[in-house]
C-alpha atoms as a PDB file:
ATOM      1  CA  MET A   1      80.890 144.352 100.797  1.00  0.00           C
ATOM      2  CA  THR A   2      83.606 143.605  98.282  1.00  0.00           C
ATOM      3  CA  SER A   3      86.040 140.721  98.466  1.00  0.00           C
ATOM      4  CA  VAL A   4      88.816 142.995  99.740  1.00  0.00           C
ATOM      5  CA  HIS A   5      86.915 143.335 103.034  1.00  0.00           C
ATOM      6  CA  VAL A   6      87.665 139.700 103.822  1.00  0.00           C
ATOM      7  CA  ASP A   7      91.383 140.518 103.655  1.00  0.00           C
ATOM      8  CA  VAL A   8      91.340 142.440 106.957  1.00  0.00           C
ATOM      9  CA  ALA A   9      92.308 139.475 109.132  1.00  0.00           C
ATOM     10  CA  ALA A  10      94.802 138.151 106.605  1.00  0.00           C
ATOM     11  CA  TYR A  11      96.443 141.574 106.443  1.00  0.00           C
ATOM     12  CA  ALA A  12      96.516 141.836 110.250  1.00  0.00           C
ATOM     13  CA  ILE A  13      98.464 138.589 110.560  1.00  0.00           C
ATOM     14  CA  GLY A  14     100.690 139.341 107.563  1.00  0.00           C
ATOM     15  CA  SER A  15      99.549 136.492 105.344  1.00  0.00           C
ATOM     16  CA  LEU A  16      98.647 138.448 102.199  1.00  0.00           C
ATOM     17  CA  ASP A  17     101.003 138.398  99.262  1.00  0.00           C
ATOM     18  CA  ARG A  18     102.511 141.713  98.178  1.00  0.00           C
ATOM     19  CA  ASP A  19      99.907 142.523  95.505  1.00  0.00           C
ATOM     20  CA  ASP A  20      96.936 141.721  97.740  1.00  0.00           C
ATOM     21  CA  ALA A  21      98.473 143.680 100.625  1.00  0.00           C
ATOM     22  CA  ASP A  22      98.975 146.690  98.347  1.00  0.00           C
ATOM     23  CA  ASP A  23      95.360 146.437  97.159  1.00  0.00           C
ATOM     24  CA  PHE A  24      94.154 146.253 100.748  1.00  0.00           C
ATOM     25  CA  VAL A  25      96.188 149.298 101.821  1.00  0.00           C
ATOM     26  CA  GLY A  26      94.650 151.246  98.936  1.00  0.00           C
ATOM     27  CA  HIS A  27      91.210 150.073 100.038  1.00  0.00           C
ATOM     28  CA  LEU A  28      91.775 151.359 103.603  1.00  0.00           C
ATOM     29  CA  ASP A  29      91.824 154.965 102.367  1.00  0.00           C
ATOM     30  CA  ASN A  30      88.250 154.738 101.087  1.00  0.00           C
ATOM     31  CA  CYS A  31      86.539 152.302 103.448  1.00  0.00           C
ATOM     32  CA  PRO A  32      84.597 153.538 106.465  1.00  0.00           C
ATOM     33  CA  THR A  33      84.773 150.212 108.359  1.00  0.00           C
ATOM     34  CA  CYS A  34      88.015 148.385 107.580  1.00  0.00           C
ATOM     35  CA  PRO A  35      90.423 150.739 109.409  1.00  0.00           C
ATOM     36  CA  ALA A  36      88.595 150.234 112.717  1.00  0.00           C
ATOM     37  CA  GLU A  37      88.370 146.486 112.185  1.00  0.00           C
ATOM     38  CA  LEU A  38      92.069 146.369 111.320  1.00  0.00           C
ATOM     39  CA  GLU A  39      92.937 148.281 114.500  1.00  0.00           C
ATOM     40  CA  TRP A  40      90.876 145.861 116.584  1.00  0.00           C
ATOM     41  CA  LEU A  41      92.376 142.781 114.918  1.00  0.00           C
ATOM     42  CA  SER A  42      95.908 144.187 115.159  1.00  0.00           C
ATOM     43  CA  GLN A  43      95.492 144.565 118.915  1.00  0.00           C
ATOM     44  CA  ILE A  44      94.339 140.952 119.175  1.00  0.00           C
ATOM     45  CA  VAL A  45      97.281 139.741 117.083  1.00  0.00           C
ATOM     46  CA  HIS A  46      99.654 141.721 119.303  1.00  0.00           C
ATOM     47  CA  LEU A  47      98.131 140.266 122.476  1.00  0.00           C
ATOM     48  CA  MET A  48      98.307 136.749 121.091  1.00  0.00           C
ATOM     49  CA  THR A  49     101.936 137.028 120.034  1.00  0.00           C
ATOM     50  CA  THR A  50     103.082 138.606 123.288  1.00  0.00           C
ATOM     51  CA  THR A  51     101.154 136.022 125.302  1.00  0.00           C
ATOM     52  CA  MET A  52     102.633 133.177 123.281  1.00  0.00           C
ATOM     53  CA  TYR A  53     106.120 134.642 123.742  1.00  0.00           C
ATOM     54  CA  ALA A  54     105.637 135.025 127.496  1.00  0.00           C
ATOM     55  CA  TYR A  55     104.303 131.470 127.728  1.00  0.00           C
ATOM     56  CA  SER A  56     107.261 130.040 125.787  1.00  0.00           C
ATOM     57  CA  GLU A  57     109.711 131.964 127.994  1.00  0.00           C
ATOM     58  CA  ALA A  58     108.084 130.538 131.130  1.00  0.00           C
ATOM     59  CA  SER A  59     108.373 126.939 129.918  1.00  0.00           C
END
């Protein structure tokens, strides 16, 4: 596993800087595991943000 693999979560939440994000996107084309992990994490991020929004609207 290379260090770019650890960027999956950071990419999913949008915390990578431009250069690291570009490197990660290039990595996705050649990695057998990161695209699936990114899809899974992206769904979690979406659920968390929509839940937080719904909670703040209810308050």
